[in-house]
Amino acid sequence: MLWLNDVYGLDIRCVRLTPYKVDSRLLLDVQQVIPLPEASGLTVQLRRRQSQARAASADTRDWTPYEIITPAGRTEPLRLSGV
């Protein structure tokens, strides 16, 4: 089921519901069975890595350094911003 979460963005879970009667009150114990709670940390890490990789590969800005040369001298290397 984890692949459905990753590939299609579906949040599919399986939970176990256990009813308990205490005096006249009815209580419900809810436990997540699938995916295991420990797996959520792993999937969060994987998604974070994938989004960082996508963001890095989608960066098409021009990072070429430029220097301005005038009779007075040169500037420090400059970069165009937002281009």
Protein backbone atom coordinates (compact mmCIF):
# COMPACT_ATOMS: atom_id res chain seq x y z
CA MET A 1 0.00 0.00 0.00
CA LEU A 2 2.91 2.35 0.51
CA TRP A 3 3.45 2.50 -3.25
CA LEU A 4 -0.10 3.84 -3.68
CA ASN A 5 0.82 6.65 -1.30
CA ASP A 6 4.05 7.39 -3.17
CA VAL A 7 2.90 6.99 -6.77
CA TYR A 8 -0.64 8.36 -6.61
CA GLY A 9 -0.53 10.44 -3.44
CA LEU A 10 -3.34 8.38 -1.90
CA ASP A 11 -3.47 8.22 1.88
CA ILE A 12 -4.61 4.64 2.43
CA ARG A 13 -4.53 3.18 5.91
CA CYS A 14 -5.82 0.10 7.66
CA VAL A 15 -6.87 0.55 11.28
CA ARG A 16 -7.96 -1.91 13.95
CA LEU A 17 -10.96 -0.82 16.02
CA THR A 18 -11.42 -2.58 19.35
CA PRO A 19 -14.46 -1.67 21.45
CA TYR A 20 -14.34 -1.83 25.26
CA LYS A 21 -17.15 -1.44 27.72
CA VAL A 22 -16.21 0.23 30.99
CA ASP A 23 -19.17 0.51 33.35
CA SER A 24 -21.84 2.07 31.17
CA ARG A 25 -19.40 3.75 28.79
CA LEU A 26 -18.33 2.35 25.43
CA LEU A 27 -14.69 3.10 24.54
CA LEU A 28 -13.01 2.52 21.20
CA ASP A 29 -9.31 1.73 20.83
CA VAL A 30 -8.02 2.73 17.39
CA GLN A 31 -4.65 1.35 16.21
CA GLN A 32 -3.10 1.90 12.81
CA VAL A 33 -2.05 -1.44 11.33
CA ILE A 34 -0.98 -0.62 7.77
CA PRO A 35 1.27 1.16 7.05
CA LEU A 36 3.14 0.59 10.26
CA PRO A 37 3.61 3.82 12.19
CA GLU A 38 7.39 3.32 11.89
CA ALA A 39 7.09 3.39 8.10
CA SER A 40 5.69 6.93 8.09
CA GLY A 41 9.07 8.38 9.08
CA LEU A 42 10.72 6.52 6.22
CA THR A 43 8.17 7.69 3.65
CA VAL A 44 8.52 11.29 4.85
CA GLN A 45 12.30 11.08 4.38
CA LEU A 46 11.91 9.56 0.90
CA ARG A 47 9.43 12.23 -0.18
CA ARG A 48 11.71 14.98 1.14
CA ARG A 49 14.67 13.59 -0.82
CA GLN A 50 12.59 13.25 -3.99
CA SER A 51 11.27 16.80 -3.75
CA GLN A 52 14.78 18.16 -3.12
CA ALA A 53 16.11 16.24 -6.13
CA ARG A 54 13.27 17.57 -8.30
CA ALA A 55 13.86 21.11 -7.10
CA ALA A 56 17.59 20.87 -7.80
CA SER A 57 17.08 19.49 -11.30
CA ALA A 58 14.38 22.06 -12.12
CA ASP A 59 16.66 25.02 -11.38
CA THR A 60 17.23 26.57 -14.80
CA ARG A 61 18.53 29.93 -13.62
CA ASP A 62 21.76 31.24 -15.09
CA TRP A 63 24.45 31.01 -12.40
CA THR A 64 27.28 32.17 -14.68
CA PRO A 65 29.53 34.67 -12.87
CA TYR A 66 30.07 38.03 -14.59
CA GLU A 67 32.64 40.76 -14.02
CA ILE A 68 32.20 44.36 -15.02
CA ILE A 69 35.43 45.84 -16.34
CA THR A 70 35.78 49.62 -16.51
CA PRO A 71 38.77 51.93 -16.69
CA ALA A 72 38.48 52.19 -12.90
CA GLY A 73 38.89 48.42 -12.45
CA ARG A 74 36.97 45.16 -12.13
CA THR A 75 34.07 44.21 -9.92
CA GLU A 76 33.83 41.09 -7.84
CA PRO A 77 32.21 38.19 -9.71
CA LEU A 78 28.47 38.92 -9.96
CA ARG A 79 25.56 36.62 -10.74
CA LEU A 80 22.28 37.47 -12.40
CA SER A 81 19.42 36.98 -9.96
CA GLY A 82 16.11 35.44 -10.91
CA VAL A 83 16.97 34.84 -14.56
